[in-house]
């Protein structure tokens, strides 16, 4: 059984985090490559087909909240946010819940 209580996840390197998430979520190498994308987002051409009046794109950090057990099943929760304390607070809240 998978356990989303990943000890000291915040102290691990990016590569260590990606490896943990890859194993936890059974991600493919292709999916990991998407997460490693140095451009951090989609091309304008894709964005232009997705929304009306597109003028550009922008990137935000993608982080992982840990410690979530929902209906007896463990999850890691991806979060896109620019506020540094939100993911830590969510992980801590899930741990004490």
PDB file of N, CA and C in Angstrom:
ATOM      1  N   UNK A   1       0.839  -1.188   0.000  1.00  0.00           N
ATOM      2  CA  UNK A   1       0.000   0.000   0.000  1.00  0.00           C
ATOM      3  C   UNK A   1       0.883   1.250   0.000  1.00  0.00           C
ATOM      4  N   UNK A   2       0.520   2.212  -0.798  1.00  0.00           N
ATOM      5  CA  UNK A   2       1.289   3.452  -0.902  1.00  0.00           C
ATOM      6  C   UNK A   2       1.016   4.342   0.304  1.00  0.00           C
ATOM      7  N   UNK A   3       2.056   5.080   0.711  1.00  0.00           N
ATOM      8  CA  UNK A   3       1.957   5.963   1.868  1.00  0.00           C
ATOM      9  C   UNK A   3       2.373   7.365   1.450  1.00  0.00           C
ATOM     10  N   UNK A   4       1.453   8.320   1.565  1.00  0.00           N
ATOM     11  CA  UNK A   4       1.746   9.692   1.149  1.00  0.00           C
ATOM     12  C   UNK A   4       2.489  10.493   2.213  1.00  0.00           C
ATOM     13  N   UNK A   5       2.780   9.890   3.349  1.00  0.00           N
ATOM     14  CA  UNK A   5       3.574  10.550   4.394  1.00  0.00           C
ATOM     15  C   UNK A   5       5.045  10.383   4.044  1.00  0.00           C
ATOM     16  N   UNK A   6       5.543  11.254   3.205  1.00  0.00           N
ATOM     17  CA  UNK A   6       6.911  11.149   2.687  1.00  0.00           C
ATOM     18  C   UNK A   6       7.814  11.991   3.575  1.00  0.00           C
ATOM     19  N   UNK A   7       8.625  11.328   4.347  1.00  0.00           N
ATOM     20  CA  UNK A   7       9.471  11.998   5.333  1.00  0.00           C
ATOM     21  C   UNK A   7      10.441  12.981   4.688  1.00  0.00           C
ATOM     22  N   UNK A   8      10.418  14.218   5.195  1.00  0.00           N
ATOM     23  CA  UNK A   8      11.351  15.275   4.786  1.00  0.00           C
ATOM     24  C   UNK A   8      11.373  15.491   3.270  1.00  0.00           C
ATOM     25  N   UNK A   9      10.208  15.382   2.645  1.00  0.00           N
ATOM     26  CA  UNK A   9      10.091  15.577   1.195  1.00  0.00           C
ATOM     27  C   UNK A   9      10.659  16.933   0.784  1.00  0.00           C
ATOM     28  N   UNK A  10      10.424  17.952   1.603  1.00  0.00           N
ATOM     29  CA  UNK A  10      10.882  19.316   1.300  1.00  0.00           C
ATOM     30  C   UNK A  10      12.399  19.445   1.305  1.00  0.00           C
ATOM     31  N   UNK A  11      13.101  18.519   1.943  1.00  0.00           N
ATOM     32  CA  UNK A  11      14.565  18.573   1.998  1.00  0.00           C
ATOM     33  C   UNK A  11      15.228  17.841   0.828  1.00  0.00           C
ATOM     34  N   UNK A  12      14.464  17.103   0.072  1.00  0.00           N
ATOM     35  CA  UNK A  12      15.027  16.305  -1.017  1.00  0.00           C
ATOM     36  C   UNK A  12      15.299  17.174  -2.242  1.00  0.00           C
ATOM     37  N   UNK A  13      16.224  16.721  -3.074  1.00  0.00           N
ATOM     38  CA  UNK A  13      16.523  17.434  -4.318  1.00  0.00           C
ATOM     39  C   UNK A  13      15.353  17.273  -5.289  1.00  0.00           C
ATOM     40  N   UNK A  14      15.341  18.083  -6.315  1.00  0.00           N
ATOM     41  CA  UNK A  14      14.283  17.983  -7.326  1.00  0.00           C
ATOM     42  C   UNK A  14      14.248  16.577  -7.918  1.00  0.00           C
ATOM     43  N   UNK A  15      15.411  16.038  -8.253  1.00  0.00           N
ATOM     44  CA  UNK A  15      15.458  14.704  -8.861  1.00  0.00           C
ATOM     45  C   UNK A  15      14.926  13.646  -7.905  1.00  0.00           C
ATOM     46  N   UNK A  16      15.256  13.757  -6.628  1.00  0.00           N
ATOM     47  CA  UNK A  16      14.735  12.806  -5.640  1.00  0.00           C
ATOM     48  C   UNK A  16      13.216  12.927  -5.527  1.00  0.00           C
ATOM     49  N   UNK A  17      12.714  14.152  -5.522  1.00  0.00           N
ATOM     50  CA  UNK A  17      11.263  14.353  -5.452  1.00  0.00           C
ATOM     51  C   UNK A  17      10.564  13.755  -6.668  1.00  0.00           C
ATOM     52  N   UNK A  18      11.130  14.013  -7.850  1.00  0.00           N
ATOM     53  CA  UNK A  18      10.531  13.471  -9.077  1.00  0.00           C
ATOM     54  C   UNK A  18      10.514  11.947  -9.053  1.00  0.00           C
ATOM     55  N   UNK A  19      11.581  11.345  -8.573  1.00  0.00           N
ATOM     56  CA  UNK A  19      11.653   9.878  -8.501  1.00  0.00           C
ATOM     57  C   UNK A  19      10.599   9.341  -7.530  1.00  0.00           C
ATOM     58  N   UNK A  20      10.439  10.000  -6.401  1.00  0.00           N
ATOM     59  CA  UNK A  20       9.424   9.583  -5.422  1.00  0.00           C
ATOM     60  C   UNK A  20       8.030   9.690  -6.027  1.00  0.00           C
ATOM     61  N   UNK A  21       7.737  10.817  -6.675  1.00  0.00           N
ATOM     62  CA  UNK A  21       6.421  11.018  -7.285  1.00  0.00           C
ATOM     63  C   UNK A  21       6.201  10.036  -8.432  1.00  0.00           C
ATOM     64  N   UNK A  22       7.241   9.790  -9.207  1.00  0.00           N
ATOM     65  CA  UNK A  22       7.138   8.825 -10.312  1.00  0.00           C
ATOM     66  C   UNK A  22       6.720   7.461  -9.779  1.00  0.00           C
ATOM     67  N   UNK A  23       7.371   7.022  -8.711  1.00  0.00           N
ATOM     68  CA  UNK A  23       7.050   5.716  -8.134  1.00  0.00           C
ATOM     69  C   UNK A  23       5.686   5.712  -7.455  1.00  0.00           C
ATOM     70  N   UNK A  24       5.368   6.778  -6.725  1.00  0.00           N
ATOM     71  CA  UNK A  24       4.099   6.841  -6.008  1.00  0.00           C
ATOM     72  C   UNK A  24       2.917   6.823  -6.973  1.00  0.00           C
ATOM     73  N   UNK A  25       3.002   7.618  -8.036  1.00  0.00           N
ATOM     74  CA  UNK A  25       1.877   7.789  -8.963  1.00  0.00           C
ATOM     75  C   UNK A  25       1.994   6.940 -10.226  1.00  0.00           C
ATOM     76  N   UNK A  26       3.021   6.086 -10.287  1.00  0.00           N
ATOM     77  CA  UNK A  26       3.241   5.248 -11.475  1.00  0.00           C
ATOM     78  C   UNK A  26       3.308   6.081 -12.752  1.00  0.00           C
ATOM     79  N   UNK A  27       4.067   7.178 -12.700  1.00  0.00           N
ATOM     80  CA  UNK A  27       4.221   8.041 -13.872  1.00  0.00           C
ATOM     81  C   UNK A  27       5.207   7.432 -14.860  1.00  0.00           C
ATOM     82  N   UNK A  28       4.992   7.708 -16.131  1.00  0.00           N
ATOM     83  CA  UNK A  28       5.898   7.238 -17.176  1.00  0.00           C
ATOM     84  C   UNK A  28       7.094   8.181 -17.283  1.00  0.00           C
ATOM     85  N   UNK A  29       8.121   7.738 -17.984  1.00  0.00           N
ATOM     86  CA  UNK A  29       9.276   8.605 -18.235  1.00  0.00           C
ATOM     87  C   UNK A  29       8.846   9.857 -18.997  1.00  0.00           C
ATOM     88  N   UNK A  30       7.895   9.701 -19.909  1.00  0.00           N
ATOM     89  CA  UNK A  30       7.396  10.845 -20.686  1.00  0.00           C
ATOM     90  C   UNK A  30       6.719  11.872 -19.770  1.00  0.00           C
ATOM     91  N   UNK A  31       5.952  11.394 -18.813  1.00  0.00           N
ATOM     92  CA  UNK A  31       5.287  12.311 -17.883  1.00  0.00           C
ATOM     93  C   UNK A  31       6.300  13.033 -16.994  1.00  0.00           C
ATOM     94  N   UNK A  32       7.339  12.338 -16.585  1.00  0.00           N
ATOM     95  CA  UNK A  32       8.399  12.977 -15.795  1.00  0.00           C
ATOM     96  C   UNK A  32       9.111  14.027 -16.640  1.00  0.00           C
ATOM     97  N   UNK A  33       9.346  13.730 -17.909  1.00  0.00           N
ATOM     98  CA  UNK A  33       9.979  14.698 -18.807  1.00  0.00           C
ATOM     99  C   UNK A  33       9.141  15.972 -18.903  1.00  0.00           C
ATOM    100  N   UNK A  34       7.817  15.833 -18.926  1.00  0.00           N
ATOM    101  CA  UNK A  34       6.947  17.014 -18.944  1.00  0.00           C
ATOM    102  C   UNK A  34       7.138  17.857 -17.686  1.00  0.00           C
ATOM    103  N   UNK A  35       7.301  17.201 -16.546  1.00  0.00           N
ATOM    104  CA  UNK A  35       7.528  17.934 -15.296  1.00  0.00           C
ATOM    105  C   UNK A  35       8.894  18.611 -15.278  1.00  0.00           C
ATOM    106  N   UNK A  36       9.850  18.037 -15.981  1.00  0.00           N
ATOM    107  CA  UNK A  36      11.204  18.591 -16.027  1.00  0.00           C
ATOM    108  C   UNK A  36      11.348  19.703 -17.062  1.00  0.00           C
ATOM    109  N   UNK A  37      10.316  19.961 -17.831  1.00  0.00           N
ATOM    110  CA  UNK A  37      10.347  20.947 -18.906  1.00  0.00           C
ATOM    111  C   UNK A  37      10.910  22.278 -18.409  1.00  0.00           C
ATOM    112  N   UNK A  38      12.058  22.707 -18.945  1.00  0.00           N
ATOM    113  CA  UNK A  38      12.649  23.961 -18.480  1.00  0.00           C
ATOM    114  C   UNK A  38      11.824  25.188 -18.859  1.00  0.00           C
ATOM    115  N   UNK A  39      10.966  25.069 -19.858  1.00  0.00           N
ATOM    116  CA  UNK A  39      10.121  26.198 -20.254  1.00  0.00           C
ATOM    117  C   UNK A  39       8.947  26.372 -19.306  1.00  0.00           C
ATOM    118  N   UNK A  40       8.610  25.320 -18.587  1.00  0.00           N
ATOM    119  CA  UNK A  40       7.589  25.403 -17.565  1.00  0.00           C
ATOM    120  C   UNK A  40       6.179  25.669 -18.043  1.00  0.00           C
ATOM    121  N   UNK A  41       5.867  25.392 -19.274  1.00  0.00           N
ATOM    122  CA  UNK A  41       4.499  25.635 -19.708  1.00  0.00           C
ATOM    123  C   UNK A  41       4.252  25.225 -21.139  1.00  0.00           C
ATOM    124  N   UNK A  42       3.138  25.672 -21.632  1.00  0.00           N
ATOM    125  CA  UNK A  42       2.741  25.326 -22.987  1.00  0.00           C
ATOM    126  C   UNK A  42       3.195  26.409 -23.955  1.00  0.00           C
ATOM    127  N   UNK A  43       3.242  26.033 -25.209  1.00  0.00           N
ATOM    128  CA  UNK A  43       3.613  27.005 -26.236  1.00  0.00           C
ATOM    129  C   UNK A  43       2.447  27.962 -26.483  1.00  0.00           C
ATOM    130  N   UNK A  44       2.763  29.111 -27.048  1.00  0.00           N
ATOM    131  CA  UNK A  44       1.702  30.059 -27.367  1.00  0.00           C
ATOM    132  C   UNK A  44       0.736  29.453 -28.379  1.00  0.00           C
ATOM    133  N   UNK A  45       1.249  28.666 -29.312  1.00  0.00           N
ATOM    134  CA  UNK A  45       0.399  28.053 -30.332  1.00  0.00           C
ATOM    135  C   UNK A  45      -0.679  27.184 -29.684  1.00  0.00           C
ATOM    136  N   UNK A  46      -0.306  26.400 -28.669  1.00  0.00           N
ATOM    137  CA  UNK A  46      -1.297  25.584 -27.960  1.00  0.00           C
ATOM    138  C   UNK A  46      -2.260  26.476 -27.182  1.00  0.00           C
ATOM    139  N   UNK A  47      -1.723  27.476 -26.500  1.00  0.00           N
ATOM    140  CA  UNK A  47      -2.565  28.378 -25.712  1.00  0.00           C
ATOM    141  C   UNK A  47      -3.590  29.077 -26.598  1.00  0.00           C
ATOM    142  N   UNK A  48      -3.175  29.467 -27.790  1.00  0.00           N
ATOM    143  CA  UNK A  48      -4.049  30.180 -28.719  1.00  0.00           C
ATOM    144  C   UNK A  48      -5.222  29.320 -29.167  1.00  0.00           C
ATOM    145  N   UNK A  49      -5.034  28.009 -29.173  1.00  0.00           N
ATOM    146  CA  UNK A  49      -6.112  27.093 -29.552  1.00  0.00           C
ATOM    147  C   UNK A  49      -7.013  26.760 -28.357  1.00  0.00           C
ATOM    148  N   UNK A  50      -6.539  27.050 -27.154  1.00  0.00           N
ATOM    149  CA  UNK A  50      -7.285  26.692 -25.946  1.00  0.00           C
ATOM    150  C   UNK A  50      -8.206  27.805 -25.451  1.00  0.00           C
ATOM    151  N   UNK A  51      -7.815  29.057 -25.679  1.00  0.00           N
ATOM    152  CA  UNK A  51      -8.609  30.179 -25.176  1.00  0.00           C
ATOM    153  C   UNK A  51      -8.800  31.222 -26.261  1.00  0.00           C
ATOM    154  N   UNK A  52      -9.821  32.041 -26.064  1.00  0.00           N
ATOM    155  CA  UNK A  52     -10.081  33.144 -26.977  1.00  0.00           C
ATOM    156  C   UNK A  52      -9.143  34.306 -26.686  1.00  0.00           C
ATOM    157  N   UNK A  53      -8.726  34.994 -27.706  1.00  0.00           N
ATOM    158  CA  UNK A  53      -7.947  36.227 -27.568  1.00  0.00           C
ATOM    159  C   UNK A  53      -6.638  36.049 -26.811  1.00  0.00           C
ATOM    160  N   UNK A  54      -5.986  34.915 -26.993  1.00  0.00           N
ATOM    161  CA  UNK A  54      -4.721  34.666 -26.287  1.00  0.00           C
ATOM    162  C   UNK A  54      -3.677  35.701 -26.683  1.00  0.00           C
ATOM    163  N   UNK A  55      -2.922  36.157 -25.702  1.00  0.00           N
ATOM    164  CA  UNK A  55      -1.838  37.106 -25.962  1.00  0.00           C
ATOM    165  C   UNK A  55      -0.500  36.607 -25.430  1.00  0.00           C
ATOM    166  N   UNK A  56      -0.499  35.534 -24.670  1.00  0.00           N
ATOM    167  CA  UNK A  56       0.754  35.013 -24.121  1.00  0.00           C
ATOM    168  C   UNK A  56       0.489  33.882 -23.145  1.00  0.00           C
ATOM    169  N   UNK A  57       1.538  33.442 -22.496  1.00  0.00           N
ATOM    170  CA  UNK A  57       1.453  32.407 -21.466  1.00  0.00           C
ATOM    171  C   UNK A  57       2.338  32.825 -20.302  1.00  0.00           C
ATOM    172  N   UNK A  58       2.162  32.187 -19.165  1.00  0.00           N
ATOM    173  CA  UNK A  58       3.058  32.419 -18.033  1.00  0.00           C
ATOM    174  C   UNK A  58       3.150  31.147 -17.203  1.00  0.00           C
ATOM    175  N   UNK A  59       4.154  31.088 -16.352  1.00  0.00           N
ATOM    176  CA  UNK A  59       4.393  29.892 -15.547  1.00  0.00           C
ATOM    177  C   UNK A  59       4.295  30.202 -14.062  1.00  0.00           C
ATOM    178  N   UNK A  60       3.857  29.208 -13.314  1.00  0.00           N
ATOM    179  CA  UNK A  60       3.841  29.255 -11.858  1.00  0.00           C
ATOM    180  C   UNK A  60       4.496  27.980 -11.338  1.00  0.00           C
ATOM    181  N   UNK A  61       5.006  28.005 -10.120  1.00  0.00           N
ATOM    182  CA  UNK A  61       5.619  26.798  -9.565  1.00  0.00           C
ATOM    183  C   UNK A  61       4.587  25.692  -9.336  1.00  0.00           C
ATOM    184  N   UNK A  62       5.012  24.453  -9.565  1.00  0.00           N
ATOM    185  CA  UNK A  62       4.191  23.271  -9.310  1.00  0.00           C
ATOM    186  C   UNK A  62       4.818  22.516  -8.156  1.00  0.00           C
ATOM    187  N   UNK A  63       4.082  22.366  -7.073  1.00  0.00           N
ATOM    188  CA  UNK A  63       4.580  21.649  -5.904  1.00  0.00           C
ATOM    189  C   UNK A  63       3.657  20.497  -5.543  1.00  0.00           C
ATOM    190  N   UNK A  64       4.072  19.703  -4.565  1.00  0.00           N
ATOM    191  CA  UNK A  64       3.323  18.522  -4.149  1.00  0.00           C
ATOM    192  C   UNK A  64       3.013  18.612  -2.661  1.00  0.00           C
ATOM    193  N   UNK A  65       1.737  18.492  -2.307  1.00  0.00           N
ATOM    194  CA  UNK A  65       1.333  18.383  -0.905  1.00  0.00           C
ATOM    195  C   UNK A  65       1.276  16.903  -0.549  1.00  0.00           C
ATOM    196  N   UNK A  66       1.854  16.567   0.584  1.00  0.00           N
ATOM    197  CA  UNK A  66       1.922  15.170   1.020  1.00  0.00           C
ATOM    198  C   UNK A  66       0.982  14.938   2.203  1.00  0.00           C
ATOM    199  N   UNK A  67       0.934  13.690   2.660  1.00  0.00           N
ATOM    200  CA  UNK A  67       0.205  13.276   3.876  1.00  0.00           C
ATOM    201  C   UNK A  67      -1.308  13.199   3.714  1.00  0.00           C
ATOM    202  N   UNK A  68      -1.825  13.169   2.502  1.00  0.00           N
ATOM    203  CA  UNK A  68      -3.273  13.142   2.309  1.00  0.00           C
ATOM    204  C   UNK A  68      -3.794  11.713   2.255  1.00  0.00           C
ATOM    205  N   UNK A  69      -4.656  11.371   3.198  1.00  0.00           N
ATOM    206  CA  UNK A  69      -5.360  10.094   3.201  1.00  0.00           C
ATOM    207  C   UNK A  69      -6.840  10.429   3.092  1.00  0.00           C
ATOM    208  N   UNK A  70      -7.449  10.016   1.986  1.00  0.00           N
ATOM    209  CA  UNK A  70      -8.848  10.322   1.711  1.00  0.00           C
ATOM    210  C   UNK A  70      -9.593   9.011   1.518  1.00  0.00           C
ATOM    211  N   UNK A  71     -10.598   8.784   2.356  1.00  0.00           N
ATOM    212  CA  UNK A  71     -11.358   7.529   2.316  1.00  0.00           C
ATOM    213  C   UNK A  71     -10.438   6.315   2.360  1.00  0.00           C
ATOM    214  N   UNK A  72      -9.402   6.397   3.198  1.00  0.00           N
ATOM    215  CA  UNK A  72      -8.499   5.272   3.400  1.00  0.00           C
ATOM    216  C   UNK A  72      -7.435   5.092   2.334  1.00  0.00           C
ATOM    217  N   UNK A  73      -7.377   5.976   1.350  1.00  0.00           N
ATOM    218  CA  UNK A  73      -6.388   5.864   0.280  1.00  0.00           C
ATOM    219  C   UNK A  73      -5.453   7.067   0.318  1.00  0.00           C
ATOM    220  N   UNK A  74      -4.143   6.810   0.145  1.00  0.00           N
ATOM    221  CA  UNK A  74      -3.156   7.880   0.179  1.00  0.00           C
ATOM    222  C   UNK A  74      -3.031   8.572  -1.172  1.00  0.00           C
ATOM    223  N   UNK A  75      -2.865   9.898  -1.110  1.00  0.00           N
ATOM    224  CA  UNK A  75      -2.698  10.722  -2.299  1.00  0.00           C
ATOM    225  C   UNK A  75      -1.580  11.733  -2.076  1.00  0.00           C
ATOM    226  N   UNK A  76      -0.914  12.110  -3.147  1.00  0.00           N
ATOM    227  CA  UNK A  76      -0.088  13.312  -3.167  1.00  0.00           C
ATOM    228  C   UNK A  76      -0.849  14.294  -4.050  1.00  0.00           C
ATOM    229  N   UNK A  77      -0.896  15.551  -3.628  1.00  0.00           N
ATOM    230  CA  UNK A  77      -1.757  16.534  -4.279  1.00  0.00           C
ATOM    231  C   UNK A  77      -0.915  17.583  -5.000  1.00  0.00           C
ATOM    232  N   UNK A  78      -0.991  17.645  -6.340  1.00  0.00           N
ATOM    233  CA  UNK A  78      -0.255  18.693  -7.051  1.00  0.00           C
ATOM    234  C   UNK A  78      -0.929  20.048  -6.840  1.00  0.00           C
ATOM    235  N   UNK A  79      -0.111  21.065  -6.617  1.00  0.00           N
ATOM    236  CA  UNK A  79      -0.629  22.417  -6.409  1.00  0.00           C
ATOM    237  C   UNK A  79       0.213  23.414  -7.191  1.00  0.00           C
ATOM    238  N   UNK A  80      -0.459  24.274  -7.927  1.00  0.00           N
ATOM    239  CA  UNK A  80       0.213  25.353  -8.648  1.00  0.00           C
ATOM    240  C   UNK A  80      -0.119  26.639  -7.909  1.00  0.00           C
ATOM    241  N   UNK A  81       0.910  27.241  -7.320  1.00  0.00           N
ATOM    242  CA  UNK A  81       0.684  28.414  -6.466  1.00  0.00           C
ATOM    243  C   UNK A  81       1.982  29.178  -6.280  1.00  0.00           C
ATOM    244  N   UNK A  82       1.875  30.469  -6.090  1.00  0.00           N
ATOM    245  CA  UNK A  82       3.077  31.286  -5.902  1.00  0.00           C
ATOM    246  C   UNK A  82       3.341  31.591  -4.432  1.00  0.00           C
ATOM    247  N   UNK A  83       2.418  31.251  -3.557  1.00  0.00           N
ATOM    248  CA  UNK A  83       2.561  31.526  -2.125  1.00  0.00           C
ATOM    249  C   UNK A  83       3.358  30.399  -1.455  1.00  0.00           C
ATOM    250  N   UNK A  84       4.499  30.690  -0.849  1.00  0.00           N
ATOM    251  CA  UNK A  84       5.390  29.640  -0.361  1.00  0.00           C
ATOM    252  C   UNK A  84       4.854  28.796   0.788  1.00  0.00           C
ATOM    253  N   UNK A  85       3.963  29.305   1.614  1.00  0.00           N
ATOM    254  CA  UNK A  85       3.568  28.549   2.801  1.00  0.00           C
ATOM    255  C   UNK A  85       2.338  27.669   2.609  1.00  0.00           C
ATOM    256  N   UNK A  86       1.630  27.804   1.513  1.00  0.00           N
ATOM    257  CA  UNK A  86       0.365  27.090   1.336  1.00  0.00           C
ATOM    258  C   UNK A  86       0.558  25.580   1.253  1.00  0.00           C
ATOM    259  N   UNK A  87       1.513  25.120   0.480  1.00  0.00           N
ATOM    260  CA  UNK A  87       1.731  23.679   0.336  1.00  0.00           C
ATOM    261  C   UNK A  87       2.196  23.084   1.660  1.00  0.00           C
ATOM    262  N   UNK A  88       3.086  23.784   2.351  1.00  0.00           N
ATOM    263  CA  UNK A  88       3.552  23.307   3.658  1.00  0.00           C
ATOM    264  C   UNK A  88       2.388  23.218   4.644  1.00  0.00           C
ATOM    265  N   UNK A  89       1.534  24.230   4.656  1.00  0.00           N
ATOM    266  CA  UNK A  89       0.388  24.230   5.567  1.00  0.00           C
ATOM    267  C   UNK A  89      -0.599  23.114   5.223  1.00  0.00           C
ATOM    268  N   UNK A  90      -0.846  22.898   3.939  1.00  0.00           N
ATOM    269  CA  UNK A  90      -1.755  21.829   3.519  1.00  0.00           C
ATOM    270  C   UNK A  90      -1.201  20.468   3.924  1.00  0.00           C
ATOM    271  N   UNK A  91       0.091  20.264   3.718  1.00  0.00           N
ATOM    272  CA  UNK A  91       0.725  18.995   4.084  1.00  0.00           C
ATOM    273  C   UNK A  91       0.658  18.764   5.590  1.00  0.00           C
ATOM    274  N   UNK A  92       0.927  19.806   6.352  1.00  0.00           N
ATOM    275  CA  UNK A  92       0.881  19.685   7.813  1.00  0.00           C
ATOM    276  C   UNK A  92      -0.547  19.446   8.289  1.00  0.00           C
ATOM    277  N   UNK A  93      -1.491  20.177   7.710  1.00  0.00           N
ATOM    278  CA  UNK A  93      -2.893  19.982   8.069  1.00  0.00           C
ATOM    279  C   UNK A  93      -3.371  18.572   7.772  1.00  0.00           C
ATOM    280  N   UNK A  94      -2.959  18.035   6.637  1.00  0.00           N
ATOM    281  CA  UNK A  94      -3.344  16.673   6.273  1.00  0.00           C
ATOM    282  C   UNK A  94      -2.719  15.658   7.229  1.00  0.00           C
ATOM    283  N   UNK A  95      -1.536  15.957   7.696  1.00  0.00           N
ATOM    284  CA  UNK A  95      -0.834  15.038   8.605  1.00  0.00           C
ATOM    285  C   UNK A  95      -1.543  14.938   9.954  1.00  0.00           C
ATOM    286  N   UNK A  96      -2.060  16.054  10.449  1.00  0.00           N
ATOM    287  CA  UNK A  96      -2.710  16.042  11.759  1.00  0.00           C
ATOM    288  C   UNK A  96      -4.196  15.684  11.684  1.00  0.00           C
ATOM    289  N   UNK A  97      -4.748  15.647  10.484  1.00  0.00           N
ATOM    290  CA  UNK A  97      -6.182  15.339  10.321  1.00  0.00           C
ATOM    291  C   UNK A  97      -6.491  13.880  10.605  1.00  0.00           C
TER     292      UNK A  97
END
